[in-house]
Amino acid sequence: MPFAVWVSGADRDRVERVADAIAAHLTTRDLPVEVLDSRTPGADALAPRAVVVLVDALARHGVATIVALPLNAEDARATGARMIEVHACGGERSGYEPPDRPEVELEPGAGVERVVGTLEVLGFLPRGAERAYTEDEERQVIRRLKAFGYL
């Protein structure tokens, strides 16, 4: 069953670049992917609950969704959605509050391998030929996700 990746961050351009990089990687695995961001007509005007409903509908049709809109991922988390939150660190924006418990934090210049690795650890994606995490790092990810209550 597909999943959603919520990408947040103070720098909208960076958030969209991260979303595009995640989508590009997922499409190499022959997974249908949709990106919802400021370039998606009407997406900025959607209420958070409407985005959650849209993501759920896409998932029912086998589409993984990358959400790169200035929304709180907790709205989606509350529905029990299969999702992870990625915080694209860097930049500043007035009124922006970083997420409390993102599954992945990407520093500027970092690739999306950790995002993919986390999706694999959670069982949202089958393991790829290349591992994003060492066994020790994977244990740390699992401990962190359990501490947050996600596992």
Protein backbone atom coordinates (compact mmCIF):
# COMPACT_ATOMS: atom_id res chain seq x y z
CA MET A 1 0.00 0.00 0.00
CA PRO A 2 1.46 3.38 -0.94
CA PHE A 3 2.40 6.09 1.47
CA ALA A 4 2.91 9.82 1.76
CA VAL A 5 6.05 11.83 2.41
CA TRP A 6 5.39 15.27 3.94
CA VAL A 7 8.29 17.62 3.28
CA SER A 8 8.49 20.75 5.41
CA GLY A 9 10.99 23.54 5.79
CA ALA A 10 11.41 27.29 5.94
CA ASP A 11 12.78 27.59 2.39
CA ARG A 12 10.00 26.78 -0.11
CA ASP A 13 12.42 26.32 -3.01
CA ARG A 14 14.50 23.84 -0.99
CA VAL A 15 11.36 21.97 0.10
CA GLU A 16 10.25 21.64 -3.52
CA ARG A 17 13.73 20.52 -4.65
CA VAL A 18 13.74 17.83 -1.93
CA ALA A 19 10.22 16.75 -2.94
CA ASP A 20 11.30 16.50 -6.59
CA ALA A 21 14.40 14.48 -5.65
CA ILE A 22 12.32 12.04 -3.59
CA ALA A 23 9.79 11.70 -6.42
CA ALA A 24 12.57 11.10 -8.96
CA HIS A 25 14.08 8.36 -6.82
CA LEU A 26 10.73 6.65 -6.27
CA THR A 27 9.92 6.68 -9.98
CA THR A 28 13.17 4.79 -10.64
CA ARG A 29 11.54 2.01 -8.60
CA ASP A 30 8.52 2.02 -10.93
CA LEU A 31 6.27 3.51 -8.27
CA PRO A 32 3.55 5.94 -9.38
CA VAL A 33 4.23 9.25 -7.65
CA GLU A 34 2.38 12.55 -7.36
CA VAL A 35 3.91 15.74 -5.95
CA LEU A 36 1.59 18.29 -4.35
CA ASP A 37 3.33 21.64 -4.04
CA SER A 38 2.94 25.31 -4.92
CA ARG A 39 3.26 24.39 -8.62
CA THR A 40 0.16 22.14 -8.40
CA PRO A 41 -2.83 24.22 -9.54
CA GLY A 42 -5.09 25.02 -6.59
CA ALA A 43 -3.02 23.11 -4.03
CA ASP A 44 -2.10 26.22 -2.02
CA ALA A 45 -5.80 26.94 -1.51
CA LEU A 46 -6.63 23.49 -0.11
CA ALA A 47 -7.47 23.17 3.56
CA PRO A 48 -5.24 20.71 5.47
CA ARG A 49 -8.07 18.19 5.78
CA ALA A 50 -8.68 18.35 2.01
CA VAL A 51 -5.00 17.54 1.37
CA VAL A 52 -5.26 14.55 3.71
CA VAL A 53 -8.37 13.32 1.86
CA LEU A 54 -6.60 13.76 -1.50
CA VAL A 55 -3.50 11.91 -0.29
CA ASP A 56 -5.70 9.07 1.00
CA ALA A 57 -7.53 8.85 -2.34
CA LEU A 58 -4.25 8.71 -4.26
CA ALA A 59 -2.97 5.98 -1.91
CA ARG A 60 -6.09 3.88 -2.55
CA HIS A 61 -5.16 4.02 -6.25
CA GLY A 62 -1.56 2.95 -5.62
CA VAL A 63 0.07 6.38 -5.86
CA ALA A 64 2.77 7.52 -3.44
CA THR A 65 2.31 11.22 -2.68
CA ILE A 66 4.95 13.78 -1.83
CA VAL A 67 3.37 16.75 -0.05
CA ALA A 68 5.47 19.92 -0.12
CA LEU A 69 2.92 22.44 1.11
CA PRO A 70 3.12 24.61 4.24
CA LEU A 71 0.90 22.26 6.24
CA ASN A 72 1.24 20.54 9.58
CA ALA A 73 1.82 16.83 9.02
CA GLU A 74 0.12 16.07 12.33
CA ASP A 75 -3.23 16.41 10.54
CA ALA A 76 -2.26 13.44 8.38
CA ARG A 77 -0.67 11.55 11.26
CA ALA A 78 -3.93 11.76 13.21
CA THR A 79 -5.67 9.74 10.48
CA GLY A 80 -3.24 6.86 10.87
CA ALA A 81 -1.89 7.46 7.38
CA ARG A 82 1.18 5.55 6.22
CA MET A 83 3.53 8.50 6.07
CA ILE A 84 6.80 10.02 7.11
CA GLU A 85 7.70 13.64 7.65
CA VAL A 86 10.92 15.05 6.25
CA HIS A 87 12.26 18.34 7.56
CA ALA A 88 14.38 20.06 4.92
CA CYS A 89 16.60 22.09 7.24
CA GLY A 90 17.92 25.51 6.24
CA GLY A 91 16.54 28.90 5.40
CA GLU A 92 14.33 31.21 7.39
CA ARG A 93 10.69 32.19 7.07
CA SER A 94 8.72 34.42 9.38
CA GLY A 95 6.26 32.41 11.44
CA TYR A 96 7.72 29.05 10.39
CA GLU A 97 7.99 26.51 13.19
CA PRO A 98 9.99 23.36 12.44
CA PRO A 99 8.23 20.05 13.11
CA ASP A 100 8.58 18.50 16.54
CA ARG A 101 9.25 14.93 15.48
CA PRO A 102 10.14 14.44 11.82
CA GLU A 103 11.27 10.95 10.90
CA VAL A 104 14.04 12.43 8.75
CA GLU A 105 15.95 15.71 8.94
CA LEU A 106 17.87 16.68 5.82
CA GLU A 107 20.64 19.20 6.16
CA PRO A 108 21.39 21.44 3.15
CA GLY A 109 23.28 19.51 0.50
CA ALA A 110 22.12 16.11 1.76
CA GLY A 111 20.65 13.63 -0.68
CA VAL A 112 17.40 11.75 -0.20
CA GLU A 113 19.02 8.40 0.62
CA ARG A 114 17.99 8.70 4.29
CA VAL A 115 14.39 9.32 3.26
CA VAL A 116 14.40 6.19 1.11
CA GLY A 117 16.16 4.23 3.86
CA THR A 118 13.51 5.24 6.37
CA LEU A 119 10.75 4.20 3.97
CA GLU A 120 12.50 0.83 3.67
CA VAL A 121 12.94 0.43 7.46
CA LEU A 122 9.23 1.09 7.94
CA GLY A 123 8.34 -1.44 5.25
CA PHE A 124 6.74 1.18 2.99
CA LEU A 125 9.26 0.34 0.23
CA PRO A 126 11.01 -2.95 -0.50
CA ARG A 127 14.73 -2.89 0.18
CA GLY A 128 16.79 -1.58 -2.70
CA ALA A 129 20.09 -3.00 -3.86
CA GLU A 130 21.93 -0.15 -2.13
CA ARG A 131 21.41 0.36 1.60
CA ALA A 132 21.03 3.95 2.80
CA TYR A 133 21.88 2.97 6.39
CA THR A 134 24.45 0.72 7.97
CA GLU A 135 23.03 -1.91 10.33
CA ASP A 136 23.97 0.27 13.32
CA GLU A 137 22.32 3.34 11.78
CA GLU A 138 19.22 1.29 11.01
CA ARG A 139 18.99 0.22 14.68
CA GLN A 140 19.27 3.88 15.68
CA VAL A 141 16.48 4.83 13.25
CA ILE A 142 14.26 2.08 14.63
CA ARG A 143 14.95 3.20 18.24
CA ARG A 144 14.12 6.80 17.31
CA LEU A 145 10.89 5.84 15.57
CA LYS A 146 9.87 3.66 18.54
CA ALA A 147 10.65 6.53 20.94
CA PHE A 148 8.32 8.77 18.90
CA GLY A 149 5.65 6.07 19.02
CA TYR A 150 5.68 5.49 15.25
CA LEU A 151 6.62 1.80 15.62
